[in-house]
Amino acid sequence: MKALHILLTLLILTACSDDSVSKTQELNKNNPYLPKLKEQKQLESPKERILKIEYKNRITLEEAKNRSKAQLAAINAKKEERVKELELQKVQQLAAEKTKQDAIEANKSFKIAKITQESALASKEKEISLYKVLAFLAMILLILWLILRYINQLSKRRHEAQLKEQEYNFEAYKQESQMKHENINKMLDIISSENSDPSVKKEITKILSHNKSNIIEHKKR
């Protein structure tokens, strides 16, 4: 684009130069004194010389004006080119700033999303850890409850076994005592009977005496 502006400037300068030459030629063509000046080079009067100088001055002035116009056009072209360059730079700068701002906003949004995600993940991990601890405590309490229940059941069974054993021993002792009582009654009946053999009565008396001493010792114990 810059090369295009330079080319346009050169074309304007060339056009202005051609215009200046054509105007000079036109002035020479319309000059009524030019033929006379050529024909009467050696016979110039002061007036003609003055006219010739004035004509040259007009041509010089026109050429200066044309050069000024060309220079002004070149300056304006450069100015417009510079303005366009500045506008382009401004647009590019604004675009770069917008891109940078968008990148900053995107990075900021990414960081916020990352922090939010990390916070949610940490919260979830804490929640999972809490559930694990609660599950572990519940398992320990369940194990303790099962152990206590087993101990209670075992103690209960032992107590029931002891009660059954005591009941069995009591029944056995009761039956034994009853049998002994019945035997003693039978022996007493034999002793009190007149038809019993004296030797048998004597043996029964010994047995009763022995049993009586055993009963006394058992009671002492």
Protein backbone atom coordinates (compact mmCIF):
# COMPACT_ATOMS: atom_id res chain seq x y z
CA MET A 1 0.00 0.00 0.00
CA LYS A 2 2.91 2.37 0.76
CA ALA A 3 4.43 1.63 -2.67
CA LEU A 4 1.08 2.51 -4.27
CA HIS A 5 1.10 5.92 -2.55
CA ILE A 6 4.67 6.60 -3.78
CA LEU A 7 3.69 5.66 -7.33
CA LEU A 8 0.69 8.01 -7.19
CA THR A 9 2.95 10.83 -5.94
CA LEU A 10 5.39 10.31 -8.84
CA LEU A 11 2.51 10.32 -11.33
CA ILE A 12 1.19 13.60 -9.86
CA LEU A 13 4.66 15.21 -10.08
CA THR A 14 5.08 14.04 -13.69
CA ALA A 15 1.64 15.36 -14.61
CA CYS A 16 2.40 18.71 -12.99
CA SER A 17 5.74 18.91 -14.84
CA ASP A 18 4.10 18.10 -18.18
CA ASP A 19 1.41 20.65 -17.43
CA SER A 20 4.10 23.27 -16.72
CA VAL A 21 5.89 22.51 -20.01
CA SER A 22 2.63 22.60 -21.97
CA LYS A 23 1.68 25.92 -20.38
CA THR A 24 5.11 27.33 -21.21
CA GLN A 25 4.74 26.19 -24.80
CA GLU A 26 1.27 27.72 -24.94
CA LEU A 27 2.61 31.04 -23.62
CA ASN A 28 5.38 30.95 -26.20
CA LYS A 29 2.83 30.22 -28.89
CA ASN A 30 0.56 33.06 -27.83
CA ASN A 31 3.44 35.49 -27.36
CA PRO A 32 3.14 38.18 -30.13
CA TYR A 33 6.66 39.35 -29.59
CA LEU A 34 8.42 36.03 -30.00
CA PRO A 35 8.69 36.11 -33.83
CA LYS A 36 9.92 39.61 -33.78
CA LEU A 37 12.46 38.75 -31.11
CA LYS A 38 13.77 35.91 -33.21
CA GLU A 39 13.90 37.94 -36.37
CA GLN A 40 15.31 41.04 -34.79
CA LYS A 41 17.78 39.59 -32.32
CA GLN A 42 20.37 42.16 -33.09
CA LEU A 43 17.94 45.10 -33.24
CA GLU A 44 16.27 44.87 -29.77
CA SER A 45 15.11 48.11 -28.29
CA PRO A 46 15.01 48.80 -24.54
CA LYS A 47 11.24 48.43 -24.57
CA GLU A 48 11.41 45.10 -26.31
CA ARG A 49 14.09 44.00 -23.90
CA ILE A 50 11.81 44.96 -21.00
CA LEU A 51 8.90 43.08 -22.56
CA LYS A 52 11.11 40.07 -23.04
CA ILE A 53 12.25 40.20 -19.41
CA GLU A 54 8.64 40.56 -18.22
CA TYR A 55 7.66 37.60 -20.35
CA LYS A 56 10.49 35.51 -18.96
CA ASN A 57 9.50 36.56 -15.44
CA ARG A 58 5.88 35.48 -16.10
CA ILE A 59 7.11 32.14 -17.39
CA THR A 60 9.40 31.75 -14.38
CA LEU A 61 6.53 32.69 -12.06
CA GLU A 62 4.20 30.19 -13.74
CA GLU A 63 6.84 27.52 -13.50
CA ALA A 64 7.37 28.37 -9.81
CA LYS A 65 3.62 28.21 -9.23
CA ASN A 66 3.45 24.88 -11.00
CA ARG A 67 6.37 23.58 -8.97
CA SER A 68 4.69 24.84 -5.79
CA LYS A 69 1.46 23.10 -6.77
CA ALA A 70 3.37 19.90 -7.50
CA GLN A 71 5.23 20.16 -4.20
CA LEU A 72 1.98 20.93 -2.37
CA ALA A 73 0.31 17.96 -4.07
CA ALA A 74 3.25 15.76 -3.09
CA ILE A 75 3.10 17.08 0.47
CA ASN A 76 -0.65 16.49 0.61
CA ALA A 77 -0.17 13.00 -0.81
CA LYS A 78 2.51 12.26 1.78
CA LYS A 79 0.29 13.78 4.45
CA GLU A 80 -2.65 11.61 3.39
CA GLU A 81 -0.35 8.60 3.25
CA ARG A 82 0.92 9.40 6.74
CA VAL A 83 -2.64 9.89 8.00
CA LYS A 84 -3.62 6.54 6.51
CA GLU A 85 -0.53 4.93 8.05
CA LEU A 86 -1.40 6.44 11.44
CA GLU A 87 -5.00 5.30 11.09
CA LEU A 88 -3.80 1.82 10.13
CA GLN A 89 -1.38 1.79 13.08
CA LYS A 90 -4.19 2.95 15.35
CA VAL A 91 -6.49 0.22 14.06
CA GLN A 92 -3.72 -2.35 14.44
CA GLN A 93 -2.93 -1.06 17.94
CA LEU A 94 -6.60 -1.21 18.93
CA ALA A 95 -6.85 -4.71 17.47
CA ALA A 96 -3.69 -5.76 19.34
CA GLU A 97 -4.99 -4.23 22.57
CA LYS A 98 -8.36 -5.94 22.08
CA THR A 99 -6.62 -9.25 21.37
CA LYS A 100 -4.45 -8.75 24.46
CA GLN A 101 -7.48 -7.83 26.57
CA ASP A 102 -9.39 -10.83 25.24
CA ALA A 103 -6.42 -13.04 26.08
CA ILE A 104 -6.27 -11.55 29.60
CA GLU A 105 -10.01 -12.07 30.08
CA ALA A 106 -9.76 -15.62 28.73
CA ASN A 107 -6.82 -16.36 31.03
CA LYS A 108 -8.70 -14.82 33.95
CA SER A 109 -11.79 -16.88 33.18
CA PHE A 110 -9.63 -19.99 32.85
CA LYS A 111 -7.96 -19.33 36.22
CA ILE A 112 -11.34 -18.70 37.88
CA ALA A 113 -12.74 -21.90 36.36
CA LYS A 114 -9.62 -23.81 37.45
CA ILE A 115 -9.82 -22.44 41.01
CA THR A 116 -13.54 -23.26 41.14
CA GLN A 117 -12.90 -26.76 39.86
CA GLU A 118 -10.03 -27.30 42.31
CA SER A 119 -12.19 -25.98 45.17
CA ALA A 120 -15.06 -28.28 44.20
CA LEU A 121 -12.65 -31.21 43.89
CA ALA A 122 -11.09 -30.44 47.29
CA SER A 123 -14.55 -30.15 48.85
CA LYS A 124 -15.56 -33.45 47.28
CA GLU A 125 -12.36 -35.11 48.52
CA LYS A 126 -13.04 -33.78 52.04
CA GLU A 127 -16.59 -35.09 51.83
CA ILE A 128 -15.33 -38.49 50.66
CA SER A 129 -12.74 -38.53 53.47
CA LEU A 130 -15.46 -37.69 55.99
CA TYR A 131 -17.65 -40.51 54.65
CA LYS A 132 -14.69 -42.89 54.90
CA VAL A 133 -14.05 -41.88 58.53
CA LEU A 134 -17.74 -42.25 59.39
CA ALA A 135 -17.88 -45.63 57.66
CA PHE A 136 -14.74 -46.74 59.55
CA LEU A 137 -16.21 -45.60 62.88
CA ALA A 138 -19.51 -47.33 62.07
CA MET A 139 -17.63 -50.53 61.26
CA ILE A 140 -15.68 -50.31 64.53
CA LEU A 141 -18.90 -49.72 66.49
CA LEU A 142 -20.52 -52.67 64.72
CA ILE A 143 -17.54 -54.91 65.54
CA LEU A 144 -17.61 -53.76 69.19
CA TRP A 145 -21.35 -54.39 69.35
CA LEU A 146 -20.90 -57.88 67.90
CA ILE A 147 -18.09 -58.60 70.38
CA LEU A 148 -20.17 -57.36 73.32
CA ARG A 149 -23.15 -59.35 72.10
CA TYR A 150 -21.00 -62.47 71.77
CA ILE A 151 -19.59 -61.94 75.27
CA ASN A 152 -23.10 -61.38 76.63
CA GLN A 153 -24.41 -64.50 74.90
CA LEU A 154 -21.42 -66.51 76.13
CA SER A 155 -21.90 -65.24 79.68
CA LYS A 156 -25.60 -65.98 79.47
CA ARG A 157 -24.94 -69.51 78.22
CA ARG A 158 -22.39 -70.08 80.97
CA HIS A 159 -24.86 -68.83 83.56
CA GLU A 160 -27.59 -71.06 82.14
CA ALA A 161 -25.16 -73.98 82.15
CA GLN A 162 -24.28 -73.27 85.77
CA LEU A 163 -27.96 -73.05 86.70
CA LYS A 164 -28.66 -76.33 84.92
CA GLU A 165 -25.68 -77.94 86.63
CA GLN A 166 -26.81 -76.65 90.01
CA GLU A 167 -30.33 -77.83 89.30
CA TYR A 168 -29.04 -81.22 88.20
CA ASN A 169 -26.84 -81.48 91.29
CA PHE A 170 -29.75 -80.46 93.47
CA GLU A 171 -32.02 -83.05 91.89
CA ALA A 172 -29.33 -85.71 92.20
CA TYR A 173 -28.73 -84.76 95.82
CA LYS A 174 -32.46 -84.73 96.45
CA GLN A 175 -32.91 -88.17 94.90
CA GLU A 176 -29.90 -89.49 96.79
CA SER A 177 -31.21 -88.08 100.05
CA GLN A 178 -34.62 -89.51 99.36
CA MET A 179 -33.12 -92.92 98.61
CA LYS A 180 -31.03 -92.74 101.77
CA HIS A 181 -34.08 -91.70 103.73
CA GLU A 182 -36.05 -94.59 102.33
CA ASN A 183 -33.22 -96.99 103.09
CA ILE A 184 -32.95 -95.68 106.63
CA ASN A 185 -36.68 -96.07 107.12
CA LYS A 186 -36.49 -99.63 105.85
CA MET A 187 -33.57 -100.31 108.19
CA LEU A 188 -35.49 -98.80 111.09
CA ASP A 189 -38.47 -100.96 110.20
CA ILE A 190 -36.23 -104.01 110.23
CA ILE A 191 -34.76 -103.03 113.61
CA SER A 192 -38.17 -102.35 115.12
CA SER A 193 -39.56 -105.59 113.79
CA GLU A 194 -39.63 -108.43 116.34
CA ASN A 195 -39.19 -111.03 113.66
CA SER A 196 -35.89 -109.68 112.42
CA ASP A 197 -32.64 -111.56 113.01
CA PRO A 198 -30.58 -110.05 115.87
CA SER A 199 -27.38 -110.27 113.84
CA VAL A 200 -29.05 -108.39 111.01
CA LYS A 201 -30.28 -105.79 113.47
CA LYS A 202 -26.72 -105.43 114.78
CA GLU A 203 -25.29 -104.90 111.29
CA ILE A 204 -28.03 -102.42 110.46
CA THR A 205 -27.27 -100.53 113.66
CA LYS A 206 -23.59 -100.28 112.68
CA ILE A 207 -24.54 -99.06 109.23
CA LEU A 208 -26.87 -96.46 110.70
CA SER A 209 -24.18 -95.28 113.10
CA HIS A 210 -21.69 -94.99 110.28
CA ASN A 211 -24.20 -93.13 108.10
CA LYS A 212 -25.04 -90.81 110.99
CA SER A 213 -21.37 -89.85 111.41
CA ASN A 214 -21.05 -89.27 107.65
CA ILE A 215 -24.15 -87.09 107.68
CA ILE A 216 -22.73 -85.02 110.54
CA GLU A 217 -19.38 -84.57 108.77
CA HIS A 218 -21.16 -83.63 105.55
CA LYS A 219 -23.20 -81.02 107.38
CA LYS A 220 -20.02 -79.64 109.00
CA ARG A 221 -18.48 -79.25 105.60
